Amino acid sequence: MILLKVKIKRIEKAGATHLEYPKPYWDSTKVVFGPVYETVERGQGRTWEYCIIGVDEREAPNFLRGNNKTAGSHKFEVREVTRDEAISSADPWLPVREVALSQDAVLAALARKARGLGTDHDDQVLDPNDETIGMNKTKSFAERLDQAIHEYQARKQNR
C-alpha cells in the first residue's frame, strides 16, 4: 500500500462543506485505506484541507498525476508519504478518545456503584483501559494504519 497526503479544495456554501478531489485522477473505489481528514472547523475560511489515503501500488501513479499546483484555483497537492509522515500528520486529527461501546453495561455498572453494590466487573466495565465492553478507548491513528497495512498485505498474499 502506498500512502498519499492529498490537499483538496474545500468549499463552504449554505452551511455545508463540499470537498473537491483531484479530477479525473481521484477514484474513491481504489482507496484501500482512509480517507482520514484533517480537522478543519467550519467557518474558518480555509479553502483547502488535507487527507491521508492508502492506495494499491498499481493505482498510486494515477493518483499522483492529480498533483497539479498550477491549475488556477484548483491547486491540488498529492504526494507520497511514509508511514511515519502519515502518522505525524494524522495523529492530531484523530485523537484517542473514550467511547461507550455498551451504554447498557455502563449504566448498569454506574447504577450498582451508586447503590454501593459495585463489583470488580463493574470497575472493569467503567475502566476505558480495560478490554471489557463498556467504556473503552478508540484506536490511535497509528494502530488503525498498522491494522490496515497488515490486512492489505494479507489480502495481497491471497491474490
Protein backbone atom coordinates (compact mmCIF):
# COMPACT_ATOMS: atom_id res chain seq x y z
CA MET A 1 0.00 0.00 0.00
CA ILE A 2 1.23 3.48 -0.90
CA LEU A 3 0.25 6.28 1.47
CA LEU A 4 -0.63 9.64 -0.02
CA LYS A 5 -1.22 13.03 1.53
CA VAL A 6 -3.73 14.91 -0.58
CA LYS A 7 -4.53 18.63 -0.39
CA ILE A 8 -8.13 19.01 -1.53
CA LYS A 9 -10.29 22.01 -2.31
CA ARG A 10 -12.83 22.89 0.38
CA ILE A 11 -15.96 24.85 -0.48
CA GLU A 12 -18.40 26.09 2.17
CA LYS A 13 -21.87 27.08 1.00
CA ALA A 14 -25.15 27.47 2.85
CA GLY A 15 -23.85 25.77 5.99
CA ALA A 16 -22.49 22.73 4.15
CA THR A 17 -18.96 21.73 3.26
CA HIS A 18 -18.10 20.29 -0.14
CA LEU A 19 -14.72 18.70 -0.86
CA GLU A 20 -13.46 18.71 -4.44
CA TYR A 21 -10.96 15.97 -5.21
CA PRO A 22 -8.26 15.96 -7.93
CA LYS A 23 -10.28 15.13 -11.05
CA PRO A 24 -10.10 12.93 -13.07
CA TYR A 25 -7.34 11.22 -11.08
CA TRP A 26 -9.22 10.51 -7.85
CA ASP A 27 -11.15 7.25 -7.83
CA SER A 28 -12.67 6.57 -4.42
CA THR A 29 -13.22 2.90 -5.29
CA LYS A 30 -9.44 2.49 -5.47
CA VAL A 31 -8.78 3.87 -1.97
CA VAL A 32 -7.92 0.94 0.33
CA PHE A 33 -7.32 2.98 3.49
CA GLY A 34 -9.00 6.18 4.57
CA PRO A 35 -9.57 8.89 3.73
CA VAL A 36 -8.64 10.33 7.09
CA TYR A 37 -9.36 14.04 7.03
CA GLU A 38 -7.64 16.96 8.68
CA THR A 39 -9.81 18.58 11.31
CA VAL A 40 -10.90 21.94 9.94
CA GLU A 41 -13.66 23.87 11.68
CA ARG A 42 -16.46 25.20 9.50
CA GLY A 43 -16.31 28.94 9.09
CA GLN A 44 -12.52 29.29 9.35
CA GLY A 45 -12.38 30.49 5.77
CA ARG A 46 -9.94 27.75 4.74
CA THR A 47 -10.31 26.86 1.07
CA TRP A 48 -8.38 23.58 1.38
CA GLU A 49 -7.61 20.74 3.75
CA TYR A 50 -5.54 17.60 3.79
CA CYS A 51 -6.41 13.94 3.94
CA ILE A 52 -4.36 10.76 4.16
CA ILE A 53 -5.26 7.80 1.96
CA GLY A 54 -3.75 4.43 1.14
CA VAL A 55 -3.89 3.03 -2.39
CA ASP A 56 -2.62 -0.09 -4.09
CA GLU A 57 0.88 0.27 -5.56
CA ARG A 58 -0.58 -0.18 -9.07
CA GLU A 59 -3.01 2.74 -8.54
CA ALA A 60 -0.59 5.21 -6.96
CA PRO A 61 0.75 6.64 -10.26
CA ASN A 62 -2.76 7.61 -11.37
CA PHE A 63 -3.46 9.37 -8.06
CA LEU A 64 -0.10 11.12 -8.19
CA ARG A 65 -0.96 12.55 -11.62
CA GLY A 66 -3.50 14.68 -9.73
CA ASN A 67 -0.58 16.71 -8.40
CA ASN A 68 -1.35 19.99 -10.14
CA LYS A 69 -0.07 23.08 -8.38
CA THR A 70 -0.67 25.47 -11.27
CA ALA A 71 -4.27 24.99 -12.42
CA GLY A 72 -5.78 28.25 -11.16
CA SER A 73 -7.97 27.84 -8.09
CA HIS A 74 -7.86 24.04 -8.38
CA LYS A 75 -4.46 23.65 -6.82
CA PHE A 76 -4.12 20.06 -5.67
CA GLU A 77 -1.14 18.57 -3.99
CA VAL A 78 -0.79 14.82 -3.93
CA ARG A 79 2.40 13.32 -2.62
CA GLU A 80 3.58 10.00 -1.34
CA VAL A 81 4.33 9.92 2.39
CA THR A 82 5.98 7.38 4.65
CA ARG A 83 4.12 5.62 7.45
CA ASP A 84 5.81 7.94 9.98
CA GLU A 85 4.89 11.08 8.00
CA ALA A 86 1.28 9.90 7.76
CA ILE A 87 1.17 9.28 11.50
CA SER A 88 2.71 12.64 12.40
CA SER A 89 0.18 14.38 10.13
CA ALA A 90 -2.95 12.47 11.07
CA ASP A 91 -2.43 11.68 14.77
CA PRO A 92 -3.74 15.13 15.83
CA TRP A 93 -6.74 14.71 13.50
CA LEU A 94 -7.88 11.50 15.24
CA PRO A 95 -7.18 11.75 18.94
CA VAL A 96 -7.74 8.68 21.08
CA ARG A 97 -10.98 9.19 22.95
CA GLU A 98 -13.19 7.34 25.38
CA VAL A 99 -16.39 5.83 23.99
CA ALA A 100 -19.23 3.85 25.50
CA LEU A 101 -19.33 0.66 23.45
CA SER A 102 -22.21 -0.60 25.57
CA GLN A 103 -24.36 2.08 27.14
CA ASP A 104 -26.44 -0.60 28.87
CA ALA A 105 -23.36 -2.10 30.56
CA VAL A 106 -22.09 1.35 31.60
CA LEU A 107 -25.47 2.43 33.03
CA ALA A 108 -25.91 -0.83 34.90
CA ALA A 109 -22.40 -0.59 36.39
CA LEU A 110 -22.98 3.05 37.41
CA ALA A 111 -26.34 2.21 38.97
CA ARG A 112 -24.83 -0.62 41.03
CA LYS A 113 -21.93 1.58 42.15
CA ALA A 114 -24.34 4.41 43.10
CA ARG A 115 -26.20 1.98 45.35
CA GLY A 116 -22.94 0.76 46.89
CA LEU A 117 -23.24 -2.64 45.17
CA GLY A 118 -20.40 -2.22 42.63
CA THR A 119 -18.30 -5.24 41.74
CA ASP A 120 -14.84 -5.77 40.28
CA HIS A 121 -16.59 -6.44 36.96
CA ASP A 122 -18.31 -3.03 37.19
CA ASP A 123 -14.88 -1.43 37.71
CA GLN A 124 -13.66 -3.21 34.57
CA VAL A 125 -16.72 -2.05 32.57
CA LEU A 126 -16.05 1.56 33.60
CA ASP A 127 -12.27 1.45 33.04
CA PRO A 128 -11.53 2.65 29.47
CA ASN A 129 -8.11 0.96 29.65
CA ASP A 130 -9.70 -2.43 30.31
CA GLU A 131 -10.78 -4.62 27.36
CA THR A 132 -14.16 -5.38 29.00
CA ILE A 133 -17.00 -4.00 26.87
CA GLY A 134 -18.34 -0.78 28.38
CA MET A 135 -16.20 2.35 28.44
CA ASN A 136 -13.34 1.79 26.02
CA LYS A 137 -10.84 3.81 24.02
CA THR A 138 -10.68 4.26 20.26
CA LYS A 139 -7.56 3.09 18.47
CA SER A 140 -4.87 5.62 17.70
CA PHE A 141 -4.26 6.56 14.08
CA ALA A 142 -1.02 4.54 14.17
CA GLU A 143 -2.93 1.44 15.35
CA ARG A 144 -5.59 1.92 12.66
CA LEU A 145 -2.95 2.41 9.98
CA ASP A 146 -0.90 -0.61 11.08
CA GLN A 147 -4.04 -2.77 11.08
CA ALA A 148 -4.95 -1.56 7.57
CA ILE A 149 -1.40 -2.25 6.31
CA HIS A 150 -1.47 -5.73 7.83
CA GLU A 151 -4.90 -6.51 6.30
CA TYR A 152 -3.79 -5.12 2.93
CA GLN A 153 -0.66 -7.29 2.92
CA ALA A 154 -2.70 -10.36 3.87
CA ARG A 155 -5.16 -9.72 1.00
CA LYS A 156 -2.29 -9.16 -1.40
CA GLN A 157 -0.73 -12.50 -0.47
CA ASN A 158 -4.05 -14.29 -1.03
CA ARG A 159 -4.45 -12.98 -4.60
